């Protein structure tokens, strides 16, 4: 369609009643990716409860929404999902990019599930065009020129990286980690920094086969 826009959304989701959330809108037009002027000029941290209202004008043209916040709930100790346990191993902890344990952010987790349900009512499908990502991991792993990023806050920068993952996902350039308790999507392995490709390969090779026997990933797929 002539007026069809290709919109990609990244969300850093915080607490419902605090200004700890941010949204990044990126648009693809004539082969180029850019933030719509009307959005980027007014970008700011927002209350979590404002997220759906802010997204409404863009939802019909949104190809993928990537959210940096838990979209599923884990079971057992710490409420951690299997991929969160894997990315909490020593190598990731020492680099301070390991996930925040869900038990420490119960309000965020509960609110994330509410947002997921609202987006599903808008027609988005979990793990298809509504995906979970981690801006901390993406920023660390991704070999990408980020010097031009002018985000005003940490939340806005996290939303930007989530929006990049939304674009990668649309172009079949993401890979997943997870199990039936939830999946995390990251840029595909060849897009990572060489140093992190090496570190990750060693961690994966040395992981406990028993503990992570159910962890599914296609990270090494071409």
Protein backbone atom coordinates (compact mmCIF):
# COMPACT_ATOMS: atom_id res chain seq x y z
CA UNK A 1 0.00 0.00 0.00
CA UNK A 2 1.19 3.47 -0.88
CA UNK A 3 0.94 4.94 2.62
CA UNK A 4 2.10 1.83 4.45
CA UNK A 5 4.88 2.61 6.92
CA UNK A 6 7.43 0.12 8.24
CA UNK A 7 7.68 0.82 11.96
CA UNK A 8 9.89 -0.99 14.47
CA UNK A 9 9.38 -0.50 18.20
CA UNK A 10 11.75 -0.92 21.12
CA UNK A 11 10.50 -0.58 24.69
CA UNK A 12 12.44 -0.38 27.94
CA UNK A 13 9.67 -1.17 30.38
CA UNK A 14 9.80 0.01 33.97
CA UNK A 15 7.26 0.46 36.75
CA UNK A 16 3.66 1.31 35.93
CA UNK A 17 3.42 4.44 38.08
CA UNK A 18 6.95 5.78 37.74
CA UNK A 19 8.78 7.56 34.91
CA UNK A 20 11.12 4.65 34.29
CA UNK A 21 9.96 3.50 30.84
CA UNK A 22 11.02 4.60 27.38
CA UNK A 23 9.98 3.87 23.80
CA UNK A 24 12.08 4.07 20.64
CA UNK A 25 10.38 4.21 17.25
CA UNK A 26 12.47 3.46 14.15
CA UNK A 27 11.16 3.60 10.60
CA UNK A 28 12.45 2.03 7.40
CA UNK A 29 11.96 4.09 4.26
CA UNK A 30 13.78 3.97 0.92
CA UNK A 31 16.22 1.44 2.34
CA UNK A 32 17.20 3.65 5.28
CA UNK A 33 16.46 3.34 8.98
CA UNK A 34 15.74 6.47 10.99
CA UNK A 35 13.64 7.69 13.94
CA UNK A 36 10.56 9.70 12.86
CA UNK A 37 11.28 13.37 13.50
CA UNK A 38 8.05 13.92 15.41
CA UNK A 39 9.03 11.12 17.81
CA UNK A 40 12.74 11.66 18.33
CA UNK A 41 12.47 15.40 19.03
CA UNK A 42 10.06 14.74 21.89
CA UNK A 43 11.63 11.53 23.22
CA UNK A 44 11.55 11.31 27.01
CA UNK A 45 11.14 8.87 29.86
CA UNK A 46 7.48 8.13 30.52
CA UNK A 47 5.23 6.52 33.10
CA UNK A 48 4.72 2.83 32.39
CA UNK A 49 0.96 3.35 32.30
CA UNK A 50 1.43 5.69 29.29
CA UNK A 51 3.15 3.11 27.08
CA UNK A 52 0.11 1.80 25.19
CA UNK A 53 -1.32 5.31 24.73
CA UNK A 54 1.99 6.52 23.25
CA UNK A 55 2.18 3.48 20.96
CA UNK A 56 -1.39 3.64 19.64
CA UNK A 57 -0.66 5.84 16.57
CA UNK A 58 2.11 3.45 15.46
CA UNK A 59 0.67 0.02 16.22
CA UNK A 60 -1.08 -0.57 12.88
CA UNK A 61 2.23 -0.12 11.06
CA UNK A 62 4.48 -1.80 13.64
CA UNK A 63 6.19 -4.85 12.14
CA UNK A 64 7.94 -6.00 15.33
CA UNK A 65 7.90 -4.86 18.95
CA UNK A 66 10.92 -5.80 21.08
CA UNK A 67 10.67 -5.30 24.84
CA UNK A 68 13.49 -5.17 27.37
CA UNK A 69 11.50 -6.65 30.25
CA UNK A 70 10.23 -10.12 31.22
CA UNK A 71 7.28 -11.19 29.05
CA UNK A 72 6.94 -14.59 30.72
CA UNK A 73 7.21 -15.82 34.28
CA UNK A 74 9.77 -18.29 35.56
CA UNK A 75 9.24 -20.93 38.22
CA UNK A 76 11.22 -22.12 41.18
CA UNK A 77 13.98 -20.33 43.08
CA UNK A 78 14.25 -16.63 42.23
CA UNK A 79 11.56 -16.94 39.54
CA UNK A 80 14.40 -17.09 37.00
CA UNK A 81 13.85 -18.58 33.59
CA UNK A 82 16.38 -20.98 32.12
CA UNK A 83 18.01 -18.43 29.80
CA UNK A 84 18.32 -15.98 32.71
CA UNK A 85 20.18 -18.61 34.70
CA UNK A 86 22.55 -19.19 31.77
CA UNK A 87 23.26 -15.48 31.30
CA UNK A 88 23.93 -15.19 35.04
CA UNK A 89 27.08 -17.30 34.74
CA UNK A 90 30.39 -15.82 35.92
CA UNK A 91 31.54 -14.38 32.57
CA UNK A 92 28.37 -12.30 32.22
CA UNK A 93 28.24 -11.31 35.89
CA UNK A 94 31.82 -10.04 35.83
CA UNK A 95 30.95 -7.85 32.83
CA UNK A 96 27.82 -6.66 34.68
CA UNK A 97 25.49 -7.62 31.85
CA UNK A 98 23.68 -10.47 33.58
CA UNK A 99 19.87 -10.21 33.86
CA UNK A 100 18.32 -8.71 36.97
CA UNK A 101 16.67 -11.60 38.89
CA UNK A 102 12.89 -11.28 38.50
CA UNK A 103 12.40 -11.70 42.25
CA UNK A 104 14.13 -8.31 42.70
CA UNK A 105 11.77 -6.51 40.28
CA UNK A 106 8.30 -7.96 40.97
CA UNK A 107 6.45 -4.75 40.01
CA UNK A 108 8.20 -4.61 36.64
CA UNK A 109 7.50 -8.28 35.96
CA UNK A 110 3.80 -7.99 36.82
CA UNK A 111 3.42 -4.87 34.69
CA UNK A 112 5.26 -6.47 31.76
CA UNK A 113 2.73 -9.30 31.67
CA UNK A 114 -0.10 -6.74 31.58
CA UNK A 115 1.52 -4.94 28.64
CA UNK A 116 2.06 -8.24 26.83
CA UNK A 117 -1.64 -9.10 27.16
CA UNK A 118 -2.69 -5.68 25.87
CA UNK A 119 -0.41 -5.99 22.84
CA UNK A 120 -1.68 -9.51 22.17
CA UNK A 121 -5.20 -8.06 22.06
CA UNK A 122 -3.89 -5.68 19.39
CA UNK A 123 -2.88 -8.71 17.30
CA UNK A 124 0.77 -9.17 18.24
CA UNK A 125 2.01 -12.71 18.84
CA UNK A 126 4.62 -13.61 21.45
CA UNK A 127 7.93 -14.83 19.97
CA UNK A 128 6.73 -13.92 16.46
CA UNK A 129 6.36 -10.15 16.22
CA UNK A 130 6.36 -9.45 19.95
CA UNK A 131 9.70 -10.47 21.41
CA UNK A 132 11.76 -10.12 24.55
CA UNK A 133 15.34 -8.90 24.43
CA UNK A 134 18.03 -7.59 26.77
CA UNK A 135 19.55 -4.21 25.96
CA UNK A 136 22.44 -4.91 28.36
CA UNK A 137 23.45 -7.98 26.39
CA UNK A 138 22.80 -6.36 23.02
CA UNK A 139 24.90 -3.29 23.82
CA UNK A 140 27.76 -5.48 25.02
CA UNK A 141 27.63 -8.01 22.18
CA UNK A 142 26.69 -6.00 19.11
CA UNK A 143 29.37 -4.79 16.70
CA UNK A 144 27.56 -1.61 15.76
CA UNK A 145 28.53 2.08 15.38
CA UNK A 146 26.82 3.65 18.38
CA UNK A 147 28.78 6.90 18.72
CA UNK A 148 25.97 8.85 17.06
CA UNK A 149 23.37 7.79 19.61
CA UNK A 150 22.08 10.88 21.41
CA UNK A 151 19.63 9.32 23.83
CA UNK A 152 19.08 11.51 26.88
CA UNK A 153 18.70 8.74 29.45
CA UNK A 154 19.70 5.17 30.15
CA UNK A 155 16.09 4.07 29.60
CA UNK A 156 15.94 5.71 26.17
CA UNK A 157 19.23 4.12 25.15
CA UNK A 158 17.92 0.70 26.23
CA UNK A 159 14.78 1.27 24.14
CA UNK A 160 16.98 2.15 21.15
CA UNK A 161 18.86 -1.15 21.38
CA UNK A 162 15.55 -2.99 21.70
CA UNK A 163 14.33 -1.24 18.53
CA UNK A 164 17.47 -2.40 16.71
CA UNK A 165 16.65 -5.97 17.72
CA UNK A 166 13.13 -5.48 16.32
CA UNK A 167 14.66 -4.56 12.94
CA UNK A 168 17.08 -7.49 13.04
CA UNK A 169 14.21 -9.81 13.88
CA UNK A 170 12.12 -8.60 10.94
CA UNK A 171 15.10 -9.28 8.67
CA UNK A 172 15.64 -12.81 10.09
CA UNK A 173 18.85 -11.72 11.82
CA UNK A 174 18.00 -12.67 15.40
CA UNK A 175 18.56 -15.91 17.27
CA UNK A 176 16.83 -17.21 20.37
CA UNK A 177 17.66 -18.73 23.75
CA UNK A 178 15.10 -20.34 26.00
CA UNK A 179 12.75 -23.06 27.01
CA UNK A 180 9.01 -23.33 27.62
CA UNK A 181 9.36 -20.75 30.42
CA UNK A 182 10.33 -18.08 27.89
CA UNK A 183 12.62 -17.04 25.05
CA UNK A 184 15.14 -14.23 24.68
CA UNK A 185 16.06 -12.83 21.25
CA UNK A 186 19.48 -11.38 20.38
CA UNK A 187 21.22 -10.33 17.14
CA UNK A 188 22.70 -13.29 15.31
CA UNK A 189 26.20 -14.44 16.24
CA UNK A 190 28.14 -12.99 13.24
CA UNK A 191 26.94 -9.50 14.24
CA UNK A 192 28.67 -9.77 17.62
CA UNK A 193 32.01 -8.28 18.57
CA UNK A 194 34.83 -10.74 18.00
CA UNK A 195 35.82 -10.73 21.67
CA UNK A 196 32.30 -11.62 22.79
CA UNK A 197 31.96 -14.33 20.17
CA UNK A 198 35.05 -15.94 21.68
CA UNK A 199 33.90 -15.49 25.30
CA UNK A 200 30.43 -16.79 24.58
CA UNK A 201 31.70 -19.83 22.72
CA UNK A 202 33.86 -20.79 25.71
CA UNK A 203 30.97 -20.32 28.15
CA UNK A 204 28.67 -22.39 25.96
CA UNK A 205 31.27 -25.12 25.55
CA UNK A 206 31.94 -25.32 29.29
CA UNK A 207 28.33 -25.03 30.50
CA UNK A 208 26.81 -27.75 32.67
CA UNK A 209 25.18 -30.14 30.20
CA UNK A 210 22.93 -31.45 32.96
CA UNK A 211 21.74 -28.08 34.26
CA UNK A 212 21.16 -26.62 30.80
CA UNK A 213 20.04 -29.75 28.99
CA UNK A 214 16.68 -28.15 28.18
CA UNK A 215 18.08 -24.79 27.06
CA UNK A 216 17.28 -24.36 23.37
CA UNK A 217 19.17 -22.02 21.06
CA UNK A 218 19.86 -21.52 17.39
CA UNK A 219 22.64 -18.99 18.01
CA UNK A 220 25.14 -20.95 15.91
CA UNK A 221 22.78 -21.33 12.94
CA UNK A 222 23.73 -19.43 9.81
